[in-house]
Structure formats: structure tokens, C-alpha cells
Amino acid sequence: MRHLVGFILAVSFLLVSCSSGGKVEPPDTVARFRVKTSDGRTITERDILGKPTVLVFAVSWCDACTLEFAFAESLKSAWGDSLNIFIFTPEPESVFAKGYRFSIPYASVDKSIFQAFDVSSVPQRILLDKDGNELIRVLGADRSMDDEFVANLLGNKE
């Protein structure tokens, strides 16, 4: 029951905050976090250091989020292991994974992870450099930002 209440609160929060797109200013430092991913790993902010990292904040029922999933999958295909990619969702894993087969690790997280990365709406895609510095943040599934996002990624290739 407690999980259901938490899920309903998270969905309510995201329903009012689903975004249409744009670029937002990044916070100054990478947030501290610890989450368990769908592939069984526990990751922290230290695990994103050493190579560029893409963080996608999304939910399964958001149409714009499905575009972000496809974009993230294309990045994984193009970059392979030279890029960290993680999807964070407030949904329980059983709900989130129901309609998708992800090759990208995802984590069901509480609102503190969204707050730590200053994410108040979905989808959001954040690119961090190998030192954990935020390079670009895309709010909503704004396809006009894809070229700039990839240019930032290419500028930080190892």
C-alpha cells in the first residue's frame, strides 16, 4: 500500500509537470546519489566519472518520453561502452518495464533523485562530461536540441 501511495504521488507530480521542451540552466555540481539499476548494479555519482554520461528522466506513459528512449537507444548504438547512459523513473520497475525492452539500464528512484538533479518535469535529458560537469540539459523531447546535444558529446569524446 505504501508503494502504491508513493507511486500515485510521483505520477501526480509528473502529470502537472510534463514539459513541452526547451533548454534549462544546469546546477553547479553533480548530485550525490545511490541507485540500483535494472541490470542489478548499484551506481553512485562516482560511477559516472571517467566518461561522458547521459541521464534520462522519464516515465513509461509519457509520449514525449518514448522519443527520449529511442534517442538514448540510438546513442547507445553509436557510442557503445564509451558512454554511460542511465534512465531514471519514479515508477516501480514492474510498471516501467512492462511495455519496453530496454538495452539501457534504468532505475526506479524516489523523488529525491529528481530533486538532486533539479528535475521537475519529464522528459529531461542531461549530458555530463567525464568529470561530472553538466554540459547540456534538454527539457522535453525537443528534437531541435539533438544536434547540439550530440555536438557537446562529440566535443567530450575520450
N, C-alpha and C. Protein backbone atom coordinates (compact mmCIF):
# COMPACT_ATOMS: atom_id res chain seq x y z
N MET A 1 0.82 -1.19 0.00
CA MET A 1 0.00 0.00 0.00
C MET A 1 0.87 1.26 0.00
N ARG A 2 1.93 1.24 0.80
CA ARG A 2 2.83 2.39 0.89
C ARG A 2 3.46 2.69 -0.46
N HIS A 3 3.83 1.62 -1.21
CA HIS A 3 4.42 1.81 -2.53
C HIS A 3 3.40 2.40 -3.51
N LEU A 4 2.15 1.98 -3.38
CA LEU A 4 1.09 2.49 -4.25
C LEU A 4 0.88 3.98 -4.00
N VAL A 5 0.86 4.39 -2.75
CA VAL A 5 0.69 5.81 -2.41
C VAL A 5 1.85 6.62 -2.97
N GLY A 6 3.07 6.11 -2.79
CA GLY A 6 4.25 6.80 -3.33
C GLY A 6 4.19 6.91 -4.83
N PHE A 7 3.77 5.85 -5.48
CA PHE A 7 3.66 5.86 -6.94
C PHE A 7 2.62 6.88 -7.40
N ILE A 8 1.48 6.91 -6.73
CA ILE A 8 0.42 7.86 -7.09
C ILE A 8 0.90 9.30 -6.90
N LEU A 9 1.62 9.56 -5.82
CA LEU A 9 2.16 10.91 -5.60
C LEU A 9 3.17 11.27 -6.69
N ALA A 10 4.04 10.34 -7.05
CA ALA A 10 5.04 10.60 -8.08
C ALA A 10 4.38 10.87 -9.42
N VAL A 11 3.37 10.07 -9.78
CA VAL A 11 2.67 10.26 -11.04
C VAL A 11 1.94 11.60 -11.03
N SER A 12 1.31 11.95 -9.93
CA SER A 12 0.62 13.24 -9.83
C SER A 12 1.59 14.40 -10.02
N PHE A 13 2.75 14.29 -9.39
CA PHE A 13 3.79 15.32 -9.52
C PHE A 13 4.20 15.47 -10.98
N LEU A 14 4.39 14.36 -11.67
CA LEU A 14 4.86 14.42 -13.05
C LEU A 14 3.75 14.80 -14.02
N LEU A 15 2.51 14.47 -13.72
CA LEU A 15 1.41 14.86 -14.60
C LEU A 15 1.32 16.37 -14.73
N VAL A 16 1.48 17.07 -13.63
CA VAL A 16 1.39 18.52 -13.69
C VAL A 16 2.67 19.14 -14.22
N SER A 17 3.72 18.36 -14.36
CA SER A 17 4.98 18.96 -14.76
C SER A 17 5.51 18.45 -16.09
N CYS A 18 4.75 17.63 -16.83
CA CYS A 18 5.21 17.12 -18.12
C CYS A 18 5.48 18.32 -19.03
N SER A 19 6.62 18.32 -19.68
CA SER A 19 7.09 19.51 -20.35
C SER A 19 7.04 19.40 -21.87
N SER A 20 6.94 20.54 -22.52
CA SER A 20 6.89 20.57 -23.98
C SER A 20 8.25 20.76 -24.62
N GLY A 21 9.24 21.24 -23.91
CA GLY A 21 10.58 21.31 -24.50
C GLY A 21 11.34 22.55 -24.11
N GLY A 22 12.63 22.56 -24.45
CA GLY A 22 13.48 23.70 -24.21
C GLY A 22 14.75 23.35 -23.48
N LYS A 23 15.58 24.34 -23.26
CA LYS A 23 16.86 24.17 -22.59
C LYS A 23 16.79 24.91 -21.26
N VAL A 24 17.35 24.31 -20.22
CA VAL A 24 17.36 24.94 -18.91
C VAL A 24 18.78 25.06 -18.42
N GLU A 25 19.01 25.95 -17.48
CA GLU A 25 20.34 26.15 -16.91
C GLU A 25 20.70 25.04 -15.95
N PRO A 26 21.94 24.54 -16.03
CA PRO A 26 22.34 23.44 -15.15
C PRO A 26 22.69 23.89 -13.75
N PRO A 27 22.58 22.96 -12.77
CA PRO A 27 23.09 23.26 -11.44
C PRO A 27 24.61 23.26 -11.46
N ASP A 28 25.25 23.72 -10.39
CA ASP A 28 26.70 23.89 -10.36
C ASP A 28 27.49 22.60 -10.24
N THR A 29 27.00 21.62 -9.52
CA THR A 29 27.77 20.40 -9.29
C THR A 29 26.90 19.17 -9.50
N VAL A 30 27.57 18.03 -9.74
CA VAL A 30 26.84 16.78 -9.90
C VAL A 30 26.27 16.34 -8.55
N ALA A 31 25.06 15.85 -8.61
CA ALA A 31 24.37 15.43 -7.39
C ALA A 31 24.91 14.10 -6.87
N ARG A 32 24.85 13.93 -5.58
CA ARG A 32 25.20 12.65 -4.97
C ARG A 32 23.98 11.75 -5.03
N PHE A 33 24.19 10.49 -5.40
CA PHE A 33 23.08 9.56 -5.46
C PHE A 33 23.59 8.13 -5.34
N ARG A 34 22.66 7.23 -5.06
CA ARG A 34 22.94 5.79 -4.99
C ARG A 34 21.66 5.08 -5.40
N VAL A 35 21.70 4.37 -6.53
CA VAL A 35 20.52 3.67 -7.03
C VAL A 35 20.90 2.29 -7.54
N LYS A 36 19.92 1.39 -7.52
CA LYS A 36 20.09 0.06 -8.08
C LYS A 36 19.44 0.06 -9.46
N THR A 37 20.19 -0.39 -10.48
CA THR A 37 19.69 -0.37 -11.85
C THR A 37 19.06 -1.71 -12.22
N SER A 38 18.36 -1.71 -13.34
CA SER A 38 17.65 -2.89 -13.82
C SER A 38 18.59 -4.06 -14.13
N ASP A 39 19.86 -3.76 -14.36
CA ASP A 39 20.82 -4.84 -14.64
C ASP A 39 21.51 -5.32 -13.37
N GLY A 40 20.99 -4.91 -12.20
CA GLY A 40 21.48 -5.42 -10.93
C GLY A 40 22.65 -4.67 -10.31
N ARG A 41 23.15 -3.64 -10.97
CA ARG A 41 24.25 -2.87 -10.42
C ARG A 41 23.73 -1.79 -9.47
N THR A 42 24.57 -1.42 -8.53
CA THR A 42 24.31 -0.24 -7.71
C THR A 42 25.27 0.83 -8.20
N ILE A 43 24.70 1.97 -8.62
CA ILE A 43 25.55 3.05 -9.13
C ILE A 43 25.44 4.26 -8.22
N THR A 44 26.53 5.01 -8.18
CA THR A 44 26.59 6.27 -7.43
C THR A 44 27.16 7.32 -8.37
N GLU A 45 27.28 8.53 -7.85
CA GLU A 45 27.84 9.61 -8.67
C GLU A 45 29.27 9.29 -9.11
N ARG A 46 29.99 8.47 -8.37
CA ARG A 46 31.36 8.10 -8.76
C ARG A 46 31.39 7.25 -10.01
N ASP A 47 30.33 6.48 -10.26
CA ASP A 47 30.27 5.60 -11.42
C ASP A 47 30.06 6.34 -12.73
N ILE A 48 29.69 7.60 -12.65
CA ILE A 48 29.51 8.37 -13.88
C ILE A 48 30.76 9.15 -14.26
N LEU A 49 31.78 9.06 -13.43
CA LEU A 49 33.03 9.76 -13.72
C LEU A 49 33.91 8.91 -14.64
N GLY A 50 34.71 9.58 -15.46
CA GLY A 50 35.65 8.89 -16.32
C GLY A 50 35.24 8.84 -17.78
N LYS A 51 33.96 8.99 -18.06
CA LYS A 51 33.49 9.08 -19.44
C LYS A 51 32.18 9.86 -19.47
N PRO A 52 31.82 10.40 -20.62
CA PRO A 52 30.57 11.16 -20.70
C PRO A 52 29.38 10.30 -20.26
N THR A 53 28.38 10.95 -19.66
CA THR A 53 27.21 10.25 -19.15
C THR A 53 25.94 10.98 -19.57
N VAL A 54 24.97 10.20 -20.02
CA VAL A 54 23.65 10.72 -20.34
C VAL A 54 22.67 10.18 -19.31
N LEU A 55 21.95 11.09 -18.66
CA LEU A 55 20.90 10.73 -17.72
C LEU A 55 19.57 11.13 -18.34
N VAL A 56 18.66 10.18 -18.43
CA VAL A 56 17.32 10.44 -18.97
C VAL A 56 16.33 10.25 -17.83
N PHE A 57 15.52 11.27 -17.58
CA PHE A 57 14.47 11.22 -16.56
C PHE A 57 13.14 11.10 -17.30
N ALA A 58 12.40 10.01 -17.05
CA ALA A 58 11.21 9.74 -17.86
C ALA A 58 10.24 8.83 -17.13
N VAL A 59 9.06 8.69 -17.73
CA VAL A 59 8.04 7.76 -17.28
C VAL A 59 7.51 7.00 -18.49
N SER A 60 6.93 5.85 -18.27
CA SER A 60 6.51 4.99 -19.37
C SER A 60 5.28 5.50 -20.12
N TRP A 61 4.41 6.22 -19.45
CA TRP A 61 3.15 6.63 -20.05
C TRP A 61 3.21 7.96 -20.79
N CYS A 62 4.35 8.58 -20.82
CA CYS A 62 4.53 9.89 -21.46
C CYS A 62 5.00 9.70 -22.90
N ASP A 63 4.21 10.19 -23.86
CA ASP A 63 4.57 10.02 -25.28
C ASP A 63 5.91 10.67 -25.61
N ALA A 64 6.17 11.84 -25.06
CA ALA A 64 7.45 12.52 -25.31
C ALA A 64 8.62 11.70 -24.76
N CYS A 65 8.38 10.99 -23.67
CA CYS A 65 9.44 10.16 -23.07
C CYS A 65 9.83 9.02 -24.00
N THR A 66 8.87 8.46 -24.73
CA THR A 66 9.22 7.36 -25.65
C THR A 66 10.17 7.85 -26.73
N LEU A 67 10.07 9.11 -27.12
CA LEU A 67 11.04 9.68 -28.07
C LEU A 67 12.43 9.75 -27.44
N GLU A 68 12.48 10.04 -26.16
CA GLU A 68 13.76 10.08 -25.45
C GLU A 68 14.36 8.69 -25.33
N PHE A 69 13.52 7.68 -25.13
CA PHE A 69 14.02 6.30 -25.07
C PHE A 69 14.69 5.94 -26.40
N ALA A 70 14.03 6.29 -27.50
CA ALA A 70 14.58 5.98 -28.83
C ALA A 70 15.89 6.73 -29.05
N PHE A 71 15.95 8.01 -28.64
CA PHE A 71 17.18 8.78 -28.79
C PHE A 71 18.30 8.17 -27.96
N ALA A 72 18.00 7.77 -26.73
CA ALA A 72 19.00 7.15 -25.86
C ALA A 72 19.49 5.84 -26.46
N GLU A 73 18.59 5.05 -27.01
CA GLU A 73 18.99 3.79 -27.65
C GLU A 73 19.90 4.05 -28.85
N SER A 74 19.62 5.13 -29.61
CA SER A 74 20.48 5.45 -30.75
C SER A 74 21.87 5.88 -30.29
N LEU A 75 21.93 6.60 -29.18
CA LEU A 75 23.23 6.98 -28.62
C LEU A 75 24.00 5.74 -28.18
N LYS A 76 23.31 4.80 -27.55
CA LYS A 76 23.96 3.57 -27.11
C LYS A 76 24.51 2.79 -28.30
N SER A 77 23.73 2.71 -29.38
CA SER A 77 24.20 2.02 -30.58
C SER A 77 25.43 2.68 -31.18
N ALA A 78 25.43 4.00 -31.19
CA ALA A 78 26.54 4.75 -31.81
C ALA A 78 27.78 4.79 -30.93
N TRP A 79 27.62 4.86 -29.63
CA TRP A 79 28.74 5.10 -28.72
C TRP A 79 29.17 3.87 -27.93
N GLY A 80 28.29 2.91 -27.79
CA GLY A 80 28.63 1.70 -27.05
C GLY A 80 29.09 1.98 -25.63
N ASP A 81 30.15 1.32 -25.22
CA ASP A 81 30.65 1.44 -23.85
C ASP A 81 31.46 2.69 -23.57
N SER A 82 31.67 3.53 -24.59
CA SER A 82 32.42 4.77 -24.34
C SER A 82 31.53 5.85 -23.74
N LEU A 83 30.27 5.52 -23.47
CA LEU A 83 29.30 6.46 -22.94
C LEU A 83 28.45 5.74 -21.89
N ASN A 84 28.29 6.37 -20.73
CA ASN A 84 27.33 5.88 -19.73
C ASN A 84 25.97 6.43 -20.10
N ILE A 85 24.95 5.59 -20.06
CA ILE A 85 23.57 6.05 -20.25
C ILE A 85 22.71 5.36 -19.21
N PHE A 86 21.92 6.17 -18.47
CA PHE A 86 21.01 5.63 -17.47
C PHE A 86 19.67 6.34 -17.59
N ILE A 87 18.61 5.59 -17.37
CA ILE A 87 17.26 6.14 -17.33
C ILE A 87 16.77 6.08 -15.89
N PHE A 88 16.27 7.20 -15.37
CA PHE A 88 15.70 7.27 -14.03
C PHE A 88 14.20 7.53 -14.14
N THR A 89 13.43 6.78 -13.38
CA THR A 89 11.98 6.92 -13.39
C THR A 89 11.44 6.81 -11.96
N PRO A 90 10.34 7.51 -11.67
CA PRO A 90 9.72 7.35 -10.35
C PRO A 90 8.78 6.14 -10.30
N GLU A 91 8.57 5.49 -11.44
CA GLU A 91 7.66 4.35 -11.49
C GLU A 91 8.32 3.09 -10.95
N PRO A 92 7.54 2.19 -10.37
CA PRO A 92 8.10 0.89 -9.97
C PRO A 92 8.60 0.16 -11.22
N GLU A 93 9.63 -0.64 -11.06
CA GLU A 93 10.23 -1.35 -12.20
C GLU A 93 9.19 -2.18 -12.95
N SER A 94 8.30 -2.83 -12.23
CA SER A 94 7.30 -3.68 -12.88
C SER A 94 6.37 -2.90 -13.80
N VAL A 95 6.11 -1.66 -13.47
CA VAL A 95 5.26 -0.80 -14.31
C VAL A 95 6.07 -0.23 -15.46
N PHE A 96 7.25 0.29 -15.15
CA PHE A 96 8.06 0.97 -16.15
C PHE A 96 8.47 0.05 -17.29
N ALA A 97 8.89 -1.16 -16.97
CA ALA A 97 9.44 -2.07 -17.98
C ALA A 97 8.37 -2.85 -18.73
N LYS A 98 7.13 -2.70 -18.34
CA LYS A 98 6.05 -3.52 -18.90
C LYS A 98 5.96 -3.41 -20.43
N GLY A 99 6.02 -2.22 -20.96
CA GLY A 99 5.82 -2.04 -22.39
C GLY A 99 7.09 -1.90 -23.21
N TYR A 100 8.25 -2.00 -22.60
CA TYR A 100 9.51 -1.74 -23.30
C TYR A 100 10.53 -2.82 -23.02
N ARG A 101 11.41 -3.01 -23.95
CA ARG A 101 12.59 -3.86 -23.77
C ARG A 101 13.80 -2.95 -23.89
N PHE A 102 14.36 -2.56 -22.75
CA PHE A 102 15.46 -1.62 -22.74
C PHE A 102 16.81 -2.33 -22.79
N SER A 103 17.71 -1.81 -23.58
CA SER A 103 19.09 -2.27 -23.52
C SER A 103 19.89 -1.34 -22.62
N ILE A 104 19.26 -0.26 -22.20
CA ILE A 104 19.89 0.73 -21.33
C ILE A 104 19.44 0.47 -19.89
N PRO A 105 20.37 0.48 -18.94
CA PRO A 105 19.96 0.29 -17.55
C PRO A 105 19.03 1.42 -17.08
N TYR A 106 18.02 1.05 -16.34
CA TYR A 106 17.12 2.05 -15.77
C TYR A 106 16.98 1.77 -14.29
N ALA A 107 16.56 2.80 -13.57
CA ALA A 107 16.40 2.67 -12.13
C ALA A 107 15.11 3.33 -11.70
N SER A 108 14.36 2.63 -10.89
CA SER A 108 13.19 3.19 -10.26
C SER A 108 13.68 3.95 -9.02
N VAL A 109 13.46 5.26 -9.03
CA VAL A 109 14.03 6.10 -7.98
C VAL A 109 12.93 6.93 -7.30
N ASP A 110 13.23 7.40 -6.10
CA ASP A 110 12.27 8.26 -5.43
C ASP A 110 12.51 9.72 -5.85
N LYS A 111 11.64 10.59 -5.38
CA LYS A 111 11.70 11.99 -5.82
C LYS A 111 12.99 12.69 -5.41
N SER A 112 13.71 12.15 -4.43
CA SER A 112 14.96 12.80 -4.01
C SER A 112 16.01 12.82 -5.13
N ILE A 113 15.99 11.79 -5.99
CA ILE A 113 16.93 11.76 -7.12
C ILE A 113 16.53 12.84 -8.13
N PHE A 114 15.24 12.99 -8.38
CA PHE A 114 14.77 14.05 -9.28
C PHE A 114 15.17 15.41 -8.71
N GLN A 115 14.98 15.59 -7.41
CA GLN A 115 15.33 16.86 -6.77
C GLN A 115 16.84 17.09 -6.80
N ALA A 116 17.62 16.04 -6.57
CA ALA A 116 19.09 16.18 -6.56
C ALA A 116 19.62 16.67 -7.90
N PHE A 117 18.96 16.28 -8.99
CA PHE A 117 19.37 16.72 -10.32
C PHE A 117 18.53 17.89 -10.82
N ASP A 118 17.74 18.48 -9.94
CA ASP A 118 16.91 19.63 -10.26
C ASP A 118 15.97 19.34 -11.44
N VAL A 119 15.36 18.16 -11.41
CA VAL A 119 14.42 17.76 -12.45
C VAL A 119 13.01 17.86 -11.88
N SER A 120 12.20 18.72 -12.49
CA SER A 120 10.83 18.90 -12.02
C SER A 120 9.79 18.50 -13.05
N SER A 121 10.24 18.06 -14.23
CA SER A 121 9.31 17.60 -15.26
C SER A 121 10.02 16.56 -16.12
N VAL A 122 9.23 15.79 -16.83
CA VAL A 122 9.77 14.78 -17.73
C VAL A 122 9.24 15.01 -19.12
N PRO A 123 9.96 14.56 -20.13
CA PRO A 123 11.30 14.01 -20.03
C PRO A 123 12.35 15.10 -19.90
N GLN A 124 13.46 14.72 -19.31
CA GLN A 124 14.66 15.56 -19.31
C GLN A 124 15.85 14.67 -19.60
N ARG A 125 16.77 15.21 -20.38
CA ARG A 125 17.99 14.51 -20.77
C ARG A 125 19.16 15.41 -20.39
N ILE A 126 20.10 14.85 -19.63
CA ILE A 126 21.24 15.62 -19.16
C ILE A 126 22.52 14.96 -19.64
N LEU A 127 23.43 15.75 -20.18
CA LEU A 127 24.75 15.26 -20.57
C LEU A 127 25.78 15.79 -19.59
N LEU A 128 26.52 14.86 -18.97
CA LEU A 128 27.60 15.21 -18.05
C LEU A 128 28.92 14.83 -18.71
N ASP A 129 29.94 15.66 -18.52
CA ASP A 129 31.26 15.31 -19.05
C ASP A 129 31.91 14.26 -18.15
N LYS A 130 33.13 13.85 -18.50
CA LYS A 130 33.80 12.78 -17.76
C LYS A 130 34.11 13.15 -16.32
N ASP A 131 34.05 14.44 -16.00
CA ASP A 131 34.28 14.91 -14.63
C ASP A 131 32.98 15.15 -13.87
N GLY A 132 31.84 14.86 -14.50
CA GLY A 132 30.55 15.03 -13.85
C GLY A 132 29.96 16.42 -13.99
N ASN A 133 30.58 17.27 -14.82
CA ASN A 133 30.04 18.61 -15.04
C ASN A 133 28.93 18.56 -16.08
N GLU A 134 27.86 19.26 -15.79
CA GLU A 134 26.74 19.29 -16.73
C GLU A 134 27.09 20.14 -17.93
N LEU A 135 26.92 19.55 -19.12
CA LEU A 135 27.22 20.26 -20.36
C LEU A 135 25.96 20.82 -21.02
N ILE A 136 24.92 20.02 -21.02
CA ILE A 136 23.67 20.45 -21.65
C ILE A 136 22.52 19.67 -21.04
N ARG A 137 21.38 20.33 -20.97
CA ARG A 137 20.16 19.73 -20.44
C ARG A 137 19.05 20.04 -21.42
N VAL A 138 18.33 19.01 -21.82
CA VAL A 138 17.21 19.18 -22.74
C VAL A 138 15.93 18.87 -22.00
N LEU A 139 15.04 19.83 -21.99
CA LEU A 139 13.76 19.71 -21.31
C LEU A 139 12.70 19.34 -22.34
N GLY A 140 11.99 18.25 -22.11
CA GLY A 140 11.02 17.78 -23.08
C GLY A 140 11.73 17.06 -24.21
N ALA A 141 10.99 16.43 -25.05
CA ALA A 141 11.58 15.71 -26.19
C ALA A 141 11.78 16.70 -27.34
N ASP A 142 12.64 17.66 -27.11
CA ASP A 142 12.89 18.74 -28.07
C ASP A 142 13.90 18.26 -29.10
N ARG A 143 13.41 17.79 -30.23
CA ARG A 143 14.27 17.24 -31.28
C ARG A 143 15.20 18.31 -31.87
N SER A 144 14.86 19.57 -31.74
CA SER A 144 15.73 20.63 -32.26
C SER A 144 17.02 20.74 -31.47
N MET A 145 17.06 20.13 -30.28
CA MET A 145 18.25 20.17 -29.43
C MET A 145 19.18 18.98 -29.66
N ASP A 146 18.75 18.00 -30.45
CA ASP A 146 19.54 16.78 -30.63
C ASP A 146 20.92 17.06 -31.22
N ASP A 147 21.01 17.92 -32.23
CA ASP A 147 22.30 18.21 -32.85
C ASP A 147 23.26 18.89 -31.85
N GLU A 148 22.73 19.84 -31.07
CA GLU A 148 23.56 20.50 -30.06
C GLU A 148 24.00 19.50 -28.98
N PHE A 149 23.10 18.61 -28.62
CA PHE A 149 23.41 17.59 -27.63
C PHE A 149 24.56 16.70 -28.13
N VAL A 150 24.45 16.22 -29.36
CA VAL A 150 25.49 15.37 -29.94
C VAL A 150 26.79 16.14 -30.13
N ALA A 151 26.70 17.42 -30.51
CA ALA A 151 27.91 18.24 -30.66
C ALA A 151 28.64 18.35 -29.32
N ASN A 152 27.90 18.52 -28.23
CA ASN A 152 28.51 18.56 -26.90
C ASN A 152 29.14 17.21 -26.56
N LEU A 153 28.48 16.15 -26.96
CA LEU A 153 29.00 14.81 -26.73
C LEU A 153 30.28 14.57 -27.53
N LEU A 154 30.29 14.98 -28.79
CA LEU A 154 31.48 14.82 -29.63
C LEU A 154 32.65 15.64 -29.11
N GLY A 155 32.36 16.80 -28.55
CA GLY A 155 33.39 17.65 -28.00
C GLY A 155 34.03 17.06 -26.75
N ASN A 156 33.42 16.04 -26.18
CA ASN A 156 33.91 15.42 -24.95
C ASN A 156 34.26 13.95 -25.14
N LYS A 157 34.45 13.54 -26.39
CA LYS A 157 34.81 12.17 -26.67
C LYS A 157 36.20 11.88 -26.15
N GLU A 158 36.35 10.72 -25.54
CA GLU A 158 37.67 10.33 -24.99
C GLU A 158 38.61 9.96 -26.11
